[in-house]
């Protein structure tokens, strides 16, 4: 294998990993916007307001975890773990 092909494969895998995290983040942000807009309904019972606010906050919690997993994925790609496993 040529080193250029290995580097291009690593770049493609990194790009796919970033795209996945960005797509996940956009979906989570869309959920936050939806739940936050539900909080703005006039004459909404207090319990429903708290429920929608909690759901909006809960949608934000996985985002830092996703960034941490993305960093770990970059380390795996740089370490060549998939390339080594593919040889077996």
PDB file of N, CA and C in Angstrom:
ATOM      1  N   UNK A   1       0.828  -1.183   0.000  1.00  0.00           N
ATOM      2  CA  UNK A   1       0.000   0.000   0.000  1.00  0.00           C
ATOM      3  C   UNK A   1       0.872   1.246   0.000  1.00  0.00           C
ATOM      4  N   UNK A   2       0.402   2.221  -0.680  1.00  0.00           N
ATOM      5  CA  UNK A   2       1.120   3.483  -0.724  1.00  0.00           C
ATOM      6  C   UNK A   2       0.796   4.302   0.523  1.00  0.00           C
ATOM      7  N   UNK A   3       1.764   5.064   1.031  1.00  0.00           N
ATOM      8  CA  UNK A   3       1.475   5.913   2.189  1.00  0.00           C
ATOM      9  C   UNK A   3       0.387   6.946   1.909  1.00  0.00           C
ATOM     10  N   UNK A   4       0.315   7.396   0.668  1.00  0.00           N
ATOM     11  CA  UNK A   4      -0.709   8.393   0.331  1.00  0.00           C
ATOM     12  C   UNK A   4      -2.100   7.801   0.475  1.00  0.00           C
ATOM     13  N   UNK A   5      -2.257   6.534   0.104  1.00  0.00           N
ATOM     14  CA  UNK A   5      -3.579   5.922   0.219  1.00  0.00           C
ATOM     15  C   UNK A   5      -3.970   5.737   1.688  1.00  0.00           C
ATOM     16  N   UNK A   6      -2.989   5.436   2.532  1.00  0.00           N
ATOM     17  CA  UNK A   6      -3.275   5.311   3.963  1.00  0.00           C
ATOM     18  C   UNK A   6      -3.673   6.661   4.536  1.00  0.00           C
ATOM     19  N   UNK A   7      -2.952   7.703   4.144  1.00  0.00           N
ATOM     20  CA  UNK A   7      -3.278   9.055   4.632  1.00  0.00           C
ATOM     21  C   UNK A   7      -4.644   9.508   4.121  1.00  0.00           C
ATOM     22  N   UNK A   8      -4.954   9.196   2.879  1.00  0.00           N
ATOM     23  CA  UNK A   8      -6.257   9.606   2.356  1.00  0.00           C
ATOM     24  C   UNK A   8      -7.378   8.829   3.043  1.00  0.00           C
ATOM     25  N   UNK A   9      -7.116   7.557   3.384  1.00  0.00           N
ATOM     26  CA  UNK A   9      -8.107   6.764   4.105  1.00  0.00           C
ATOM     27  C   UNK A   9      -8.315   7.334   5.503  1.00  0.00           C
ATOM     28  N   UNK A  10      -7.236   7.735   6.163  1.00  0.00           N
ATOM     29  CA  UNK A  10      -7.351   8.350   7.492  1.00  0.00           C
ATOM     30  C   UNK A  10      -8.132   9.656   7.415  1.00  0.00           C
ATOM     31  N   UNK A  11      -7.843  10.456   6.388  1.00  0.00           N
ATOM     32  CA  UNK A  11      -8.548  11.736   6.233  1.00  0.00           C
ATOM     33  C   UNK A  11     -10.034  11.496   5.987  1.00  0.00           C
ATOM     34  N   UNK A  12     -10.358  10.478   5.185  1.00  0.00           N
ATOM     35  CA  UNK A  12     -11.762  10.173   4.906  1.00  0.00           C
ATOM     36  C   UNK A  12     -12.466   9.716   6.176  1.00  0.00           C
ATOM     37  N   UNK A  13     -11.805   8.857   6.969  1.00  0.00           N
ATOM     38  CA  UNK A  13     -12.410   8.387   8.212  1.00  0.00           C
ATOM     39  C   UNK A  13     -12.616   9.528   9.208  1.00  0.00           C
ATOM     40  N   UNK A  14     -11.657  10.440   9.282  1.00  0.00           N
ATOM     41  CA  UNK A  14     -11.813  11.604  10.171  1.00  0.00           C
ATOM     42  C   UNK A  14     -12.979  12.474   9.711  1.00  0.00           C
ATOM     43  N   UNK A  15     -13.051  12.694   8.408  1.00  0.00           N
ATOM     44  CA  UNK A  15     -14.131  13.518   7.860  1.00  0.00           C
ATOM     45  C   UNK A  15     -15.487  12.884   8.152  1.00  0.00           C
ATOM     46  N   UNK A  16     -15.589  11.563   7.999  1.00  0.00           N
ATOM     47  CA  UNK A  16     -16.848  10.877   8.292  1.00  0.00           C
ATOM     48  C   UNK A  16     -17.193  10.955   9.775  1.00  0.00           C
ATOM     49  N   UNK A  17     -16.197  10.864  10.636  1.00  0.00           N
ATOM     50  CA  UNK A  17     -16.439  10.963  12.077  1.00  0.00           C
ATOM     51  C   UNK A  17     -16.947  12.356  12.444  1.00  0.00           C
ATOM     52  N   UNK A  18     -16.332  13.375  11.863  1.00  0.00           N
ATOM     53  CA  UNK A  18     -16.764  14.751  12.141  1.00  0.00           C
ATOM     54  C   UNK A  18     -18.172  14.977  11.605  1.00  0.00           C
ATOM     55  N   UNK A  19     -18.461  14.469  10.423  1.00  0.00           N
ATOM     56  CA  UNK A  19     -19.798  14.627   9.857  1.00  0.00           C
ATOM     57  C   UNK A  19     -20.850  13.974  10.737  1.00  0.00           C
ATOM     58  N   UNK A  20     -20.535  12.812  11.295  1.00  0.00           N
ATOM     59  CA  UNK A  20     -21.474  12.141  12.177  1.00  0.00           C
ATOM     60  C   UNK A  20     -21.759  12.932  13.434  1.00  0.00           C
ATOM     61  N   UNK A  21     -20.716  13.491  14.030  1.00  0.00           N
ATOM     62  CA  UNK A  21     -20.903  14.273  15.256  1.00  0.00           C
ATOM     63  C   UNK A  21     -21.646  15.571  14.953  1.00  0.00           C
ATOM     64  N   UNK A  22     -21.338  16.197  13.840  1.00  0.00           N
ATOM     65  CA  UNK A  22     -22.032  17.436  13.466  1.00  0.00           C
ATOM     66  C   UNK A  22     -23.516  17.159  13.215  1.00  0.00           C
ATOM     67  N   UNK A  23     -23.819  16.060  12.526  1.00  0.00           N
ATOM     68  CA  UNK A  23     -25.220  15.705  12.284  1.00  0.00           C
ATOM     69  C   UNK A  23     -25.946  15.443  13.599  1.00  0.00           C
ATOM     70  N   UNK A  24     -25.292  14.712  14.502  1.00  0.00           N
ATOM     71  CA  UNK A  24     -25.876  14.454  15.820  1.00  0.00           C
ATOM     72  C   UNK A  24     -26.122  15.757  16.570  1.00  0.00           C
ATOM     73  N   UNK A  25     -25.148  16.668  16.527  1.00  0.00           N
ATOM     74  CA  UNK A  25     -25.291  17.949  17.229  1.00  0.00           C
ATOM     75  C   UNK A  25     -26.441  18.766  16.646  1.00  0.00           C
ATOM     76  N   UNK A  26     -26.573  18.761  15.327  1.00  0.00           N
ATOM     77  CA  UNK A  26     -27.674  19.502  14.708  1.00  0.00           C
ATOM     78  C   UNK A  26     -29.034  18.938  15.109  1.00  0.00           C
ATOM     79  N   UNK A  27     -29.142  17.625  15.180  1.00  0.00           N
ATOM     80  CA  UNK A  27     -30.399  17.020  15.627  1.00  0.00           C
ATOM     81  C   UNK A  27     -30.695  17.374  17.080  1.00  0.00           C
ATOM     82  N   UNK A  28     -29.680  17.346  17.914  1.00  0.00           N
ATOM     83  CA  UNK A  28     -29.876  17.687  19.314  1.00  0.00           C
ATOM     84  C   UNK A  28     -30.280  19.162  19.465  1.00  0.00           C
ATOM     85  N   UNK A  29     -29.650  20.029  18.705  1.00  0.00           N
ATOM     86  CA  UNK A  29     -29.988  21.456  18.773  1.00  0.00           C
ATOM     87  C   UNK A  29     -31.405  21.693  18.265  1.00  0.00           C
ATOM     88  N   UNK A  30     -31.815  20.943  17.235  1.00  0.00           N
ATOM     89  CA  UNK A  30     -33.192  21.061  16.750  1.00  0.00           C
ATOM     90  C   UNK A  30     -34.182  20.643  17.837  1.00  0.00           C
ATOM     91  N   UNK A  31     -33.848  19.609  18.590  1.00  0.00           N
ATOM     92  CA  UNK A  31     -34.707  19.189  19.705  1.00  0.00           C
ATOM     93  C   UNK A  31     -34.760  20.259  20.789  1.00  0.00           C
ATOM     94  N   UNK A  32     -33.617  20.876  21.073  1.00  0.00           N
ATOM     95  CA  UNK A  32     -33.582  21.947  22.080  1.00  0.00           C
ATOM     96  C   UNK A  32     -34.475  23.102  21.640  1.00  0.00           C
ATOM     97  N   UNK A  33     -34.360  23.485  20.386  1.00  0.00           N
ATOM     98  CA  UNK A  33     -35.194  24.584  19.874  1.00  0.00           C
ATOM     99  C   UNK A  33     -36.670  24.214  19.948  1.00  0.00           C
ATOM    100  N   UNK A  34     -36.995  22.973  19.602  1.00  0.00           N
ATOM    101  CA  UNK A  34     -38.395  22.536  19.670  1.00  0.00           C
ATOM    102  C   UNK A  34     -38.938  22.561  21.080  1.00  0.00           C
ATOM    103  N   UNK A  35     -38.176  22.015  22.033  1.00  0.00           N
ATOM    104  CA  UNK A  35     -38.649  22.007  23.416  1.00  0.00           C
ATOM    105  C   UNK A  35     -38.686  23.415  24.003  1.00  0.00           C
ATOM    106  N   UNK A  36     -37.719  24.251  23.637  1.00  0.00           N
ATOM    107  CA  UNK A  36     -37.723  25.629  24.146  1.00  0.00           C
ATOM    108  C   UNK A  36     -38.922  26.396  23.581  1.00  0.00           C
ATOM    109  N   UNK A  37     -39.279  26.131  22.338  1.00  0.00           N
ATOM    110  CA  UNK A  37     -40.443  26.823  21.767  1.00  0.00           C
ATOM    111  C   UNK A  37     -41.733  26.324  22.412  1.00  0.00           C
ATOM    112  N   UNK A  38     -41.764  25.062  22.816  1.00  0.00           N
ATOM    113  CA  UNK A  38     -42.944  24.567  23.526  1.00  0.00           C
ATOM    114  C   UNK A  38     -43.092  25.239  24.891  1.00  0.00           C
ATOM    115  N   UNK A  39     -41.975  25.662  25.477  1.00  0.00           N
ATOM    116  CA  UNK A  39     -42.036  26.378  26.757  1.00  0.00           C
ATOM    117  C   UNK A  39     -42.712  27.736  26.621  1.00  0.00           C
ATOM    118  N   UNK A  40     -42.752  28.258  25.412  1.00  0.00           N
ATOM    119  CA  UNK A  40     -43.304  29.600  25.187  1.00  0.00           C
ATOM    120  C   UNK A  40     -44.799  29.605  24.904  1.00  0.00           C
ATOM    121  N   UNK A  41     -45.452  28.470  24.986  1.00  0.00           N
ATOM    122  CA  UNK A  41     -46.895  28.404  24.744  1.00  0.00           C
ATOM    123  C   UNK A  41     -47.607  29.165  25.863  1.00  0.00           C
ATOM    124  N   UNK A  42     -48.498  30.079  25.492  1.00  0.00           N
ATOM    125  CA  UNK A  42     -49.214  30.824  26.539  1.00  0.00           C
ATOM    126  C   UNK A  42     -50.163  29.898  27.331  1.00  0.00           C
ATOM    127  N   UNK A  43     -50.365  30.223  28.581  1.00  0.00           N
ATOM    128  CA  UNK A  43     -51.243  29.478  29.494  1.00  0.00           C
ATOM    129  C   UNK A  43     -50.851  28.010  29.630  1.00  0.00           C
ATOM    130  N   UNK A  44     -49.575  27.735  29.496  1.00  0.00           N
ATOM    131  CA  UNK A  44     -49.064  26.375  29.653  1.00  0.00           C
ATOM    132  C   UNK A  44     -48.995  26.052  31.139  1.00  0.00           C
ATOM    133  N   UNK A  45     -49.477  24.885  31.547  1.00  0.00           N
ATOM    134  CA  UNK A  45     -49.364  24.537  32.976  1.00  0.00           C
ATOM    135  C   UNK A  45     -47.903  24.529  33.413  1.00  0.00           C
ATOM    136  N   UNK A  46     -47.689  24.862  34.667  1.00  0.00           N
ATOM    137  CA  UNK A  46     -46.332  24.980  35.200  1.00  0.00           C
ATOM    138  C   UNK A  46     -45.566  23.667  35.067  1.00  0.00           C
ATOM    139  N   UNK A  47     -46.231  22.540  35.305  1.00  0.00           N
ATOM    140  CA  UNK A  47     -45.554  21.249  35.215  1.00  0.00           C
ATOM    141  C   UNK A  47     -45.085  20.960  33.788  1.00  0.00           C
ATOM    142  N   UNK A  48     -45.878  21.364  32.799  1.00  0.00           N
ATOM    143  CA  UNK A  48     -45.496  21.142  31.401  1.00  0.00           C
ATOM    144  C   UNK A  48     -44.309  22.032  31.025  1.00  0.00           C
ATOM    145  N   UNK A  49     -44.313  23.267  31.542  1.00  0.00           N
ATOM    146  CA  UNK A  49     -43.187  24.162  31.293  1.00  0.00           C
ATOM    147  C   UNK A  49     -41.893  23.537  31.830  1.00  0.00           C
ATOM    148  N   UNK A  50     -41.950  23.027  33.069  1.00  0.00           N
ATOM    149  CA  UNK A  50     -40.762  22.409  33.662  1.00  0.00           C
ATOM    150  C   UNK A  50     -40.338  21.150  32.902  1.00  0.00           C
ATOM    151  N   UNK A  51     -41.312  20.405  32.440  1.00  0.00           N
ATOM    152  CA  UNK A  51     -41.008  19.204  31.673  1.00  0.00           C
ATOM    153  C   UNK A  51     -40.278  19.549  30.378  1.00  0.00           C
ATOM    154  N   UNK A  52     -40.807  20.514  29.624  1.00  0.00           N
ATOM    155  CA  UNK A  52     -40.177  20.903  28.356  1.00  0.00           C
ATOM    156  C   UNK A  52     -38.805  21.536  28.580  1.00  0.00           C
ATOM    157  N   UNK A  53     -38.675  22.315  29.650  1.00  0.00           N
ATOM    158  CA  UNK A  53     -37.371  22.906  29.954  1.00  0.00           C
ATOM    159  C   UNK A  53     -36.349  21.824  30.320  1.00  0.00           C
ATOM    160  N   UNK A  54     -36.777  20.835  31.087  1.00  0.00           N
ATOM    161  CA  UNK A  54     -35.872  19.740  31.450  1.00  0.00           C
ATOM    162  C   UNK A  54     -35.481  18.925  30.223  1.00  0.00           C
ATOM    163  N   UNK A  55     -36.423  18.712  29.331  1.00  0.00           N
ATOM    164  CA  UNK A  55     -36.110  17.976  28.104  1.00  0.00           C
ATOM    165  C   UNK A  55     -35.139  18.758  27.217  1.00  0.00           C
ATOM    166  N   UNK A  56     -35.291  20.076  27.187  1.00  0.00           N
ATOM    167  CA  UNK A  56     -34.366  20.900  26.396  1.00  0.00           C
ATOM    168  C   UNK A  56     -32.954  20.810  26.966  1.00  0.00           C
ATOM    169  N   UNK A  57     -32.845  20.870  28.273  1.00  0.00           N
ATOM    170  CA  UNK A  57     -31.527  20.756  28.907  1.00  0.00           C
ATOM    171  C   UNK A  57     -30.964  19.350  28.711  1.00  0.00           C
ATOM    172  N   UNK A  58     -31.820  18.340  28.811  1.00  0.00           N
ATOM    173  CA  UNK A  58     -31.373  16.959  28.646  1.00  0.00           C
ATOM    174  C   UNK A  58     -30.847  16.706  27.232  1.00  0.00           C
ATOM    175  N   UNK A  59     -31.346  17.431  26.259  1.00  0.00           N
ATOM    176  CA  UNK A  59     -30.859  17.270  24.887  1.00  0.00           C
ATOM    177  C   UNK A  59     -29.465  17.872  24.716  1.00  0.00           C
ATOM    178  N   UNK A  60     -29.080  18.782  25.563  1.00  0.00           N
ATOM    179  CA  UNK A  60     -27.751  19.387  25.480  1.00  0.00           C
ATOM    180  C   UNK A  60     -26.674  18.551  26.173  1.00  0.00           C
ATOM    181  N   UNK A  61     -27.068  17.702  27.086  1.00  0.00           N
ATOM    182  CA  UNK A  61     -26.090  16.945  27.871  1.00  0.00           C
ATOM    183  C   UNK A  61     -25.216  15.991  27.050  1.00  0.00           C
ATOM    184  N   UNK A  62     -25.708  15.336  26.013  1.00  0.00           N
ATOM    185  CA  UNK A  62     -24.841  14.405  25.268  1.00  0.00           C
ATOM    186  C   UNK A  62     -23.802  15.086  24.368  1.00  0.00           C
ATOM    187  N   UNK A  63     -23.911  16.372  24.140  1.00  0.00           N
ATOM    188  CA  UNK A  63     -22.994  17.031  23.216  1.00  0.00           C
ATOM    189  C   UNK A  63     -21.536  17.007  23.682  1.00  0.00           C
ATOM    190  N   UNK A  64     -21.227  17.329  24.935  1.00  0.00           N
ATOM    191  CA  UNK A  64     -19.817  17.216  25.359  1.00  0.00           C
ATOM    192  C   UNK A  64     -19.294  15.783  25.299  1.00  0.00           C
ATOM    193  N   UNK A  65     -20.163  14.815  25.550  1.00  0.00           N
ATOM    194  CA  UNK A  65     -19.759  13.417  25.460  1.00  0.00           C
ATOM    195  C   UNK A  65     -19.425  13.065  24.009  1.00  0.00           C
ATOM    196  N   UNK A  66     -20.205  13.589  23.077  1.00  0.00           N
ATOM    197  CA  UNK A  66     -19.951  13.321  21.660  1.00  0.00           C
ATOM    198  C   UNK A  66     -18.604  13.892  21.228  1.00  0.00           C
ATOM    199  N   UNK A  67     -18.243  15.053  21.748  1.00  0.00           N
ATOM    200  CA  UNK A  67     -16.947  15.648  21.409  1.00  0.00           C
ATOM    201  C   UNK A  67     -15.815  14.802  21.991  1.00  0.00           C
ATOM    202  N   UNK A  68     -16.012  14.298  23.202  1.00  0.00           N
ATOM    203  CA  UNK A  68     -14.995  13.443  23.813  1.00  0.00           C
ATOM    204  C   UNK A  68     -14.825  12.151  23.012  1.00  0.00           C
ATOM    205  N   UNK A  69     -15.918  11.572  22.571  1.00  0.00           N
ATOM    206  CA  UNK A  69     -15.858  10.358  21.761  1.00  0.00           C
ATOM    207  C   UNK A  69     -15.189  10.646  20.420  1.00  0.00           C
ATOM    208  N   UNK A  70     -15.434  11.826  19.861  1.00  0.00           N
ATOM    209  CA  UNK A  70     -14.793  12.193  18.592  1.00  0.00           C
ATOM    210  C   UNK A  70     -13.279  12.280  18.766  1.00  0.00           C
ATOM    211  N   UNK A  71     -12.821  12.842  19.861  1.00  0.00           N
ATOM    212  CA  UNK A  71     -11.376  12.895  20.131  1.00  0.00           C
ATOM    213  C   UNK A  71     -10.787  11.497  20.236  1.00  0.00           C
ATOM    214  N   UNK A  72     -11.500  10.608  20.918  1.00  0.00           N
ATOM    215  CA  UNK A  72     -11.043   9.232  21.043  1.00  0.00           C
ATOM    216  C   UNK A  72     -11.008   8.561  19.672  1.00  0.00           C
ATOM    217  N   UNK A  73     -11.994   8.837  18.861  1.00  0.00           N
ATOM    218  CA  UNK A  73     -12.036   8.266  17.511  1.00  0.00           C
ATOM    219  C   UNK A  73     -10.853   8.761  16.683  1.00  0.00           C
ATOM    220  N   UNK A  74     -10.496  10.032  16.810  1.00  0.00           N
ATOM    221  CA  UNK A  74      -9.327  10.555  16.098  1.00  0.00           C
ATOM    222  C   UNK A  74      -8.057   9.816  16.522  1.00  0.00           C
ATOM    223  N   UNK A  75      -7.925   9.530  17.816  1.00  0.00           N
ATOM    224  CA  UNK A  75      -6.756   8.793  18.295  1.00  0.00           C
ATOM    225  C   UNK A  75      -6.721   7.389  17.697  1.00  0.00           C
ATOM    226  N   UNK A  76      -7.882   6.753  17.595  1.00  0.00           N
ATOM    227  CA  UNK A  76      -7.943   5.427  16.991  1.00  0.00           C
ATOM    228  C   UNK A  76      -7.551   5.472  15.521  1.00  0.00           C
ATOM    229  N   UNK A  77      -8.011   6.485  14.823  1.00  0.00           N
ATOM    230  CA  UNK A  77      -7.694   6.612  13.399  1.00  0.00           C
ATOM    231  C   UNK A  77      -6.206   6.872  13.221  1.00  0.00           C
ATOM    232  N   UNK A  78      -5.649   7.770  14.027  1.00  0.00           N
ATOM    233  CA  UNK A  78      -4.220   8.066  13.925  1.00  0.00           C
ATOM    234  C   UNK A  78      -3.367   6.868  14.308  1.00  0.00           C
ATOM    235  N   UNK A  79      -3.844   6.082  15.267  1.00  0.00           N
ATOM    236  CA  UNK A  79      -3.094   4.913  15.703  1.00  0.00           C
ATOM    237  C   UNK A  79      -3.133   3.771  14.718  1.00  0.00           C
ATOM    238  N   UNK A  80      -4.021   3.838  13.756  1.00  0.00           N
ATOM    239  CA  UNK A  80      -4.126   2.805  12.745  1.00  0.00           C
ATOM    240  C   UNK A  80      -4.739   1.516  13.238  1.00  0.00           C
ATOM    241  N   UNK A  81      -5.610   1.605  14.248  1.00  0.00           N
ATOM    242  CA  UNK A  81      -6.206   0.403  14.804  1.00  0.00           C
ATOM    243  C   UNK A  81      -7.087  -0.324  13.791  1.00  0.00           C
ATOM    244  N   UNK A  82      -7.832   0.411  12.984  1.00  0.00           N
ATOM    245  CA  UNK A  82      -8.676  -0.232  11.989  1.00  0.00           C
ATOM    246  C   UNK A  82      -7.840  -0.876  10.884  1.00  0.00           C
ATOM    247  N   UNK A  83      -6.752  -0.236  10.510  1.00  0.00           N
ATOM    248  CA  UNK A  83      -5.877  -0.806   9.489  1.00  0.00           C
ATOM    249  C   UNK A  83      -5.230  -2.089   9.990  1.00  0.00           C
ATOM    250  N   UNK A  84      -4.821  -2.091  11.260  1.00  0.00           N
ATOM    251  CA  UNK A  84      -4.202  -3.286  11.832  1.00  0.00           C
ATOM    252  C   UNK A  84      -5.220  -4.408  11.964  1.00  0.00           C
ATOM    253  N   UNK A  85      -6.448  -4.066  12.366  1.00  0.00           N
ATOM    254  CA  UNK A  85      -7.486  -5.087  12.510  1.00  0.00           C
ATOM    255  C   UNK A  85      -7.914  -5.632  11.150  1.00  0.00           C
ATOM    256  N   UNK A  86      -7.830  -4.814  10.126  1.00  0.00           N
ATOM    257  CA  UNK A  86      -8.224  -5.243   8.787  1.00  0.00           C
ATOM    258  C   UNK A  86      -7.270  -6.253   8.164  1.00  0.00           C
ATOM    259  N   UNK A  87      -6.095  -6.403   8.722  1.00  0.00           N
ATOM    260  CA  UNK A  87      -5.118  -7.343   8.174  1.00  0.00           C
ATOM    261  C   UNK A  87      -5.409  -8.777   8.590  1.00  0.00           C
ATOM    262  N   UNK A  88      -6.269  -8.971   9.581  1.00  0.00           N
ATOM    263  CA  UNK A  88      -6.541 -10.322  10.067  1.00  0.00           C
ATOM    264  C   UNK A  88      -7.679 -10.968   9.328  1.00  0.00           C
TER     265      UNK A  88
END
